[in-house]
Each structure stands twice: as C-alpha cells, then as structure tokens.
Protein backbone atom coordinates (compact mmCIF):
# COMPACT_ATOMS: atom_id res chain seq x y z
CA MET A 1 23.36 7.75 -55.98
CA HIS A 2 24.06 9.63 -52.74
CA GLU A 3 20.31 10.03 -52.25
CA LEU A 4 19.74 6.25 -52.59
CA LYS A 5 22.44 5.53 -49.99
CA ARG A 6 20.84 7.95 -47.53
CA GLU A 7 17.40 6.44 -48.16
CA ASN A 8 18.79 2.92 -47.69
CA ASP A 9 20.47 3.94 -44.40
CA LYS A 10 17.18 5.43 -43.19
CA LYS A 11 15.35 2.21 -44.05
CA ASP A 12 17.99 0.20 -42.16
CA LEU A 13 17.56 2.42 -39.10
CA ASP A 14 13.78 2.08 -39.33
CA ALA A 15 14.09 -1.73 -39.57
CA LYS A 16 16.42 -1.84 -36.54
CA ASP A 17 14.02 0.36 -34.58
CA LEU A 18 11.07 -1.86 -35.50
CA ASN A 19 13.01 -5.00 -34.52
CA TYR A 20 13.86 -3.40 -31.17
CA GLN A 21 10.20 -2.49 -30.61
CA LEU A 22 9.14 -6.01 -31.57
CA THR A 23 11.63 -7.59 -29.16
CA ASN A 24 10.59 -5.20 -26.39
CA THR A 25 6.88 -5.87 -27.00
CA ARG A 26 7.43 -9.64 -26.98
CA GLN A 27 9.29 -9.36 -23.67
CA LYS A 28 6.47 -7.30 -22.16
CA LEU A 29 3.92 -9.80 -23.45
CA GLU A 30 5.83 -12.67 -21.84
CA GLU A 31 6.05 -10.78 -18.54
CA ALA A 32 2.32 -9.99 -18.66
CA SER A 33 1.53 -13.63 -19.43
CA ASN A 34 3.62 -14.78 -16.45
CA ASN A 35 1.95 -12.17 -14.25
CA LEU A 36 -1.49 -13.31 -15.41
CA GLU A 37 -0.64 -16.93 -14.63
CA SER A 38 0.67 -15.96 -11.19
CA ASN A 39 -2.49 -13.92 -10.49
CA ALA A 40 -4.70 -16.83 -11.54
CA GLN A 41 -2.82 -19.12 -9.15
CA MET A 42 -3.22 -16.58 -6.33
CA ILE A 43 -6.95 -16.23 -7.00
CA THR A 44 -7.35 -20.01 -6.98
CA TRP A 45 -5.45 -20.26 -3.69
CA LEU A 46 -7.48 -17.42 -2.10
CA ASN A 47 -10.77 -18.98 -3.22
CA LYS A 48 -9.65 -22.30 -1.75
CA GLN A 49 -8.79 -20.58 1.55
CA LEU A 50 -12.18 -18.86 1.65
CA ASN A 51 -14.12 -22.02 0.89
CA GLU A 52 -12.24 -24.22 3.37
CA LYS A 53 -12.67 -22.00 6.44
CA PRO A 54 -16.16 -21.60 7.91
CA GLY A 55 -17.16 -18.07 8.83
CA VAL A 56 -14.83 -16.48 6.28
CA GLY A 57 -16.04 -14.95 3.07
CA GLY A 58 -19.51 -15.98 2.02
CA SER A 59 -19.57 -19.40 3.70
CA PHE A 60 -21.19 -18.23 6.95
CA ILE A 61 -23.97 -15.65 6.89
CA PRO A 62 -26.32 -15.51 9.86
CA LYS A 63 -29.89 -16.29 8.81
CA GLN A 64 -31.12 -12.90 9.96
CA PHE A 65 -28.83 -11.22 7.39
CA SER A 66 -29.45 -13.57 4.49
CA LYS A 67 -32.49 -11.61 3.26
CA PRO A 68 -32.98 -7.87 3.04
CA PRO A 69 -35.18 -6.42 5.79
CA THR A 70 -38.80 -6.07 4.77
CA SER A 71 -40.04 -3.99 7.70
CA PHE A 72 -38.33 -0.74 6.65
CA LYS A 73 -40.15 1.22 4.02
CA PRO A 74 -38.44 4.52 3.24
CA THR A 75 -40.65 7.57 3.00
CA PHE A 76 -40.08 10.59 0.84
CA ALA A 77 -39.01 12.54 3.93
CA SER A 78 -36.37 9.98 4.95
CA ILE A 79 -34.94 9.86 1.43
CA GLU A 80 -34.86 13.63 1.28
CA GLN A 81 -32.97 13.77 4.58
CA LEU A 82 -30.35 11.42 3.15
CA THR A 83 -29.82 13.44 -0.01
CA THR A 84 -29.80 16.94 1.42
CA THR A 85 -26.85 18.41 3.20
CA SER A 86 -26.11 21.64 4.95
CA PHE A 87 -22.53 21.78 3.64
CA LYS A 88 -22.05 24.31 0.87
CA PRO A 89 -18.50 24.29 -0.53
CA THR A 90 -16.64 27.54 -0.94
CA PHE A 91 -13.44 28.24 -2.80
CA THR A 92 -11.61 28.28 0.53
CA SER A 93 -12.87 24.81 1.52
CA ILE A 94 -12.04 23.40 -1.92
CA GLU A 95 -8.49 24.81 -1.69
CA GLN A 96 -8.09 23.22 1.75
CA MET A 97 -9.18 19.84 0.38
CA THR A 98 -6.85 19.96 -2.61
CA GLY A 99 -3.90 21.18 -0.55
C-alpha cells in the first residue's frame, strides 16, 4: 500500500512537470510566432523602402556593372598568385590571434 502511494505521488509530480513544460513551450511558441510576424512586417517595410527609392538596393545599377567583364581572362599564373601566400602560421602567431 505504501509503495502504491509513493508511485502515485511520483506520477502526480511527473504530470505537474509535464504540464509546466507544456505551458512553457506554448508560451515560447506564441512568442516565436509574434516575433516571426514582426520580422515579416519589418522585411515587407524594408523591401518597400528599397523599391521606392531610386539608387538604393538593386533598383539602380550602372549599365557598365550590369554584366560581368568579358575582357579579363585569368591565367594559371594569376590564379596561382591569388592562392599562394608567404604567411606560414606558427604556434606563437596562433596564440596571438586567439588571445
């Protein structure tokens, strides 16, 4: 009999804990939903601002920059120069970077 009472009390505690978690999760879900709605409104407003003002965002791109340049053709040497570096890290330089 004593064992059943203890088991029943444990089940009650578990149920209360689960109800608390459920309430907490619902509250977080509501906050996230409100935050999502607010973010959507902000994005809509920002897009409207970008589209209404010439020269801001993507609405004004000079013709010379609207297509990628075709005159530059990278050579193996120019690519190699971009990818090689003379810096060789040491333990001292890594420690300085990480503080």
